[in-house]
Amino acid sequence: MSTLTRNDTFRTLDLPDAFEDLSGVIGSDLKVIVKALTQRARERMMLSPRQAQRLQYTLWNRLTEVLNETMEPLSVERH
């Protein structure tokens, strides 16, 4: 696993307007999921702090990417 650089940023959860009120709850849930998975991986796989940080970064970004991409079509107005 590579280390994080200054240019690495965590993705933002960007839900359509109709779901915006759920952003806080979903964001909090994602934080719990990412933290739990990272902590378990550190314990069971004896990850170094850098490896755990990279895993946390990757999990967060991939999960938010999937949510953003899946929900994005719902933001387009239907005619």
Protein backbone atom coordinates (compact mmCIF):
# COMPACT_ATOMS: atom_id res chain seq x y z
CA MET A 1 0.00 0.00 0.00
CA SER A 2 1.26 3.43 -0.84
CA THR A 3 1.24 6.34 1.56
CA LEU A 4 -1.01 9.35 1.37
CA THR A 5 0.32 12.54 -0.11
CA ARG A 6 -0.75 16.14 0.34
CA ASN A 7 -2.67 15.90 -2.91
CA ASP A 8 -4.81 13.00 -1.69
CA THR A 9 -8.21 14.23 -0.59
CA PHE A 10 -11.24 12.53 0.86
CA ARG A 11 -14.24 12.61 -1.46
CA THR A 12 -17.32 14.52 -0.45
CA LEU A 13 -20.65 12.79 -0.23
CA ASP A 14 -22.75 14.60 -2.83
CA LEU A 15 -26.36 13.43 -2.80
CA PRO A 16 -29.13 14.86 -5.01
CA ASP A 17 -31.24 17.65 -3.51
CA ALA A 18 -34.12 15.27 -2.73
CA PHE A 19 -31.77 13.30 -0.44
CA GLU A 20 -29.68 16.19 0.93
CA ASP A 21 -31.32 15.94 4.36
CA LEU A 22 -29.86 12.43 4.66
CA SER A 23 -26.26 13.49 3.95
CA GLY A 24 -25.38 13.97 7.62
CA VAL A 25 -26.79 10.64 8.71
CA ILE A 26 -25.30 8.73 5.81
CA GLY A 27 -21.95 10.48 6.26
CA SER A 28 -21.92 9.53 9.94
CA ASP A 29 -22.79 5.94 9.12
CA LEU A 30 -20.00 5.80 6.53
CA LYS A 31 -17.52 7.09 9.11
CA VAL A 32 -18.54 4.31 11.51
CA ILE A 33 -18.28 1.64 8.80
CA VAL A 34 -14.88 2.83 7.60
CA LYS A 35 -13.56 3.13 11.15
CA ALA A 36 -14.81 -0.34 12.15
CA LEU A 37 -13.35 -2.02 9.07
CA THR A 38 -10.04 -0.21 9.42
CA GLN A 39 -9.77 -0.99 13.12
CA ARG A 40 -10.52 -4.67 12.53
CA ALA A 41 -7.97 -4.84 9.73
CA ARG A 42 -5.33 -3.24 11.97
CA GLU A 43 -6.02 -5.77 14.71
CA ARG A 44 -6.32 -8.89 12.60
CA MET A 45 -3.84 -8.13 9.85
CA MET A 46 -1.43 -6.11 11.97
CA LEU A 47 -1.43 -3.17 9.60
CA SER A 48 1.02 -0.37 10.18
CA PRO A 49 -0.44 3.08 10.88
CA ARG A 50 0.33 4.09 7.29
CA GLN A 51 -1.36 1.02 5.87
CA ALA A 52 -4.40 1.65 8.07
CA GLN A 53 -4.52 5.28 6.96
CA ARG A 54 -4.36 4.25 3.30
CA LEU A 55 -7.10 1.64 3.84
CA GLN A 56 -9.29 4.22 5.56
CA TYR A 57 -8.74 6.68 2.73
CA THR A 58 -9.46 4.06 0.05
CA LEU A 59 -12.59 2.73 1.79
CA TRP A 60 -14.02 6.21 2.29
CA ASN A 61 -13.37 7.33 -1.26
CA ARG A 62 -14.66 4.17 -2.90
CA LEU A 63 -17.83 4.07 -0.79
CA THR A 64 -18.65 7.73 -1.39
CA GLU A 65 -17.85 7.34 -5.08
CA VAL A 66 -20.32 4.45 -5.39
CA LEU A 67 -23.03 6.36 -3.53
CA ASN A 68 -22.48 9.53 -5.55
CA GLU A 69 -22.51 7.68 -8.88
CA THR A 70 -25.51 5.54 -7.98
CA MET A 71 -27.60 8.46 -6.75
CA GLU A 72 -26.52 10.96 -9.42
CA PRO A 73 -29.13 9.89 -12.00
CA LEU A 74 -31.82 10.79 -9.47
CA SER A 75 -30.68 14.42 -9.54
CA VAL A 76 -31.58 14.83 -13.22
CA GLU A 77 -35.01 16.27 -13.72
CA ARG A 78 -37.31 13.97 -15.61
CA HIS A 79 -39.46 15.50 -18.31
